[in-house]
Protein backbone atom coordinates (compact mmCIF):
# COMPACT_ATOMS: atom_id res chain seq x y z
CA MET A 1 -147.29 28.39 112.87
CA VAL A 2 -148.65 26.33 115.65
CA ASP A 3 -151.82 25.44 113.55
CA LEU A 4 -149.42 24.62 110.44
CA ILE A 5 -147.44 22.39 112.42
CA ILE A 6 -150.44 20.52 113.36
CA CYS A 7 -151.64 20.24 110.07
CA VAL A 8 -148.31 19.20 108.70
CA GLY A 9 -148.49 16.41 111.51
CA PHE A 10 -151.86 15.18 110.37
CA PHE A 11 -150.48 15.40 106.80
CA TYR A 12 -147.85 12.94 107.70
CA ILE A 13 -150.35 10.67 109.59
CA ALA A 14 -152.39 10.68 106.36
CA HIS A 15 -149.12 9.65 104.28
CA LEU A 16 -148.78 6.64 106.74
CA PHE A 17 -152.31 5.27 105.60
CA PHE A 18 -151.98 6.05 101.80
CA THR A 19 -149.85 3.28 100.86
CA MET A 20 -152.00 0.84 102.77
CA SER A 21 -155.36 2.40 101.79
CA PHE A 22 -154.79 2.11 98.01
CA SER A 23 -153.87 -1.58 98.06
CA LEU A 24 -156.52 -3.26 100.42
CA HIS A 25 -158.21 -4.58 97.35
CA LYS A 26 -155.22 -6.65 96.51
CA VAL A 27 -153.39 -7.21 99.81
CA PRO A 28 -155.42 -8.31 102.87
CA PHE A 29 -155.44 -5.78 105.83
CA LEU A 30 -153.69 -8.65 107.97
CA ASP A 31 -150.68 -8.72 105.82
CA TRP A 32 -150.16 -5.02 106.64
CA THR A 33 -150.28 -5.43 110.22
CA HIS A 34 -147.12 -7.51 110.86
CA THR A 35 -143.66 -7.48 109.35
CA GLY A 36 -143.75 -10.85 107.83
CA GLY A 37 -146.98 -9.83 105.79
CA ASP A 38 -146.81 -10.32 101.86
CA ILE A 39 -147.45 -6.83 100.72
CA SER A 40 -145.67 -7.65 97.28
CA GLY A 41 -148.98 -7.28 95.57
CA MET A 42 -149.63 -3.72 96.24
CA SER A 43 -150.82 -1.49 93.65
CA ASP A 44 -148.61 0.85 91.65
CA LEU A 45 -150.37 3.98 93.18
CA SER A 46 -149.58 2.42 96.69
CA SER A 47 -145.76 1.92 95.55
CA ARG A 48 -145.72 5.57 94.25
CA MET A 49 -147.31 6.61 97.63
CA SER A 50 -144.59 4.72 99.48
CA VAL A 51 -141.96 6.42 97.76
CA ALA A 52 -143.60 9.81 98.49
CA SER A 53 -143.81 8.92 102.16
CA ASP A 54 -140.28 7.83 102.26
CA ASN A 55 -139.39 11.49 100.34
CA LEU A 56 -141.37 13.22 103.19
CA ARG A 57 -139.80 11.31 106.09
CA GLN A 58 -136.42 12.56 104.78
CA THR A 59 -137.15 16.33 105.21
CA LEU A 60 -139.99 16.26 107.88
CA PRO A 61 -137.57 16.10 110.86
CA ILE A 62 -135.87 19.31 109.42
CA PHE A 63 -139.12 21.09 108.76
CA MET A 64 -140.46 20.29 112.53
CA THR A 65 -137.30 21.38 113.97
CA PHE A 66 -137.15 24.57 111.95
CA ALA A 67 -140.81 25.09 112.70
CA VAL A 68 -140.65 24.69 116.41
CA LEU A 69 -137.59 27.04 116.76
CA SER A 70 -139.28 29.62 114.80
CA VAL A 71 -142.11 29.53 117.40
CA VAL A 72 -139.70 29.42 120.35
CA MET A 73 -137.27 32.12 118.81
CA ASP A 74 -140.14 34.27 117.60
CA VAL A 75 -138.89 34.11 113.91
CA ASP A 76 -141.54 34.81 111.08
CA ASN A 77 -141.06 31.85 108.80
CA LEU A 78 -144.83 31.38 108.55
CA MET A 79 -144.73 31.97 104.67
CA LEU A 80 -141.87 29.93 104.21
CA ALA A 81 -143.40 27.07 106.23
CA LYS A 82 -146.71 27.40 104.19
CA THR A 83 -144.75 27.37 100.86
CA TRP A 84 -142.90 24.22 102.17
CA PHE A 85 -146.10 22.29 103.19
CA GLY A 86 -147.75 23.62 99.59
CA ILE A 87 -144.78 22.03 97.81
CA ARG A 88 -145.11 18.97 99.79
CA ILE A 89 -148.78 18.58 98.88
CA VAL A 90 -147.91 19.14 95.09
CA TYR A 91 -145.21 16.43 95.43
CA LEU A 92 -147.84 13.89 96.69
CA ILE A 93 -150.29 14.91 94.08
CA GLY A 94 -147.40 14.45 91.48
CA ALA A 95 -146.79 10.92 92.87
CA ALA A 96 -150.49 10.09 92.76
CA ILE A 97 -150.97 10.99 89.13
CA ASN A 98 -147.64 9.25 88.16
CA LEU A 99 -146.06 12.65 87.02
CA TYR A 100 -142.60 11.52 87.86
CA SER A 101 -142.53 9.20 85.12
CA ILE A 102 -141.47 12.14 83.07
CA PRO A 103 -137.77 13.01 83.34
CA ILE A 104 -136.55 16.10 85.32
CA ILE A 105 -140.29 16.81 86.74
CA ARG A 106 -139.39 15.10 90.18
CA PRO A 107 -136.32 17.40 91.12
CA VAL A 108 -138.14 20.33 89.69
CA ILE A 109 -140.76 19.95 92.52
CA TRP A 110 -138.62 18.43 95.20
CA ILE A 111 -135.61 21.05 95.08
CA PRO A 112 -137.70 23.95 95.98
CA SER A 113 -138.60 22.41 99.12
CA ILE A 114 -134.93 22.02 99.93
CA VAL A 115 -134.30 25.55 99.10
CA VAL A 116 -137.25 26.61 101.39
CA LEU A 117 -135.85 24.55 104.46
CA VAL A 118 -132.39 26.51 103.81
CA ILE A 119 -133.91 29.90 103.97
CA MET A 120 -135.88 28.84 106.98
CA GLY A 121 -132.75 27.87 108.54
CA LEU A 122 -130.91 30.89 107.63
CA ASN A 123 -133.62 33.09 108.93
CA LEU A 124 -133.31 31.18 112.30
CA TYR A 125 -129.46 31.65 112.23
CA THR A 126 -129.95 35.38 111.63
CA GLY A 127 -133.14 35.79 113.59
């Protein structure tokens, strides 16, 4: 589980750079380095990566809390944690290929990650 927590941490760090990386050809690096920079010219891919990063930030604290508690309380949530991570990777790929322009696809991918978090929490509660 500790290795997975580290991988998820690196996944989050990668998310932080995706938005900027996919727009450096349109927006100068200096505009990304301060709050007053004009990043309005970022590419569509960068915009989608930004939305995917915002979505990850909404559930990441809950996942990290449950993952660390699983280690501390010695509750086996590893398979659920791997499933959550896999769903988040699929979500990112879906954002990258603009899959969410199709109605209903986004919740079909996103809702299972929430269900997995609920099951992880229940395992901790009953564990």
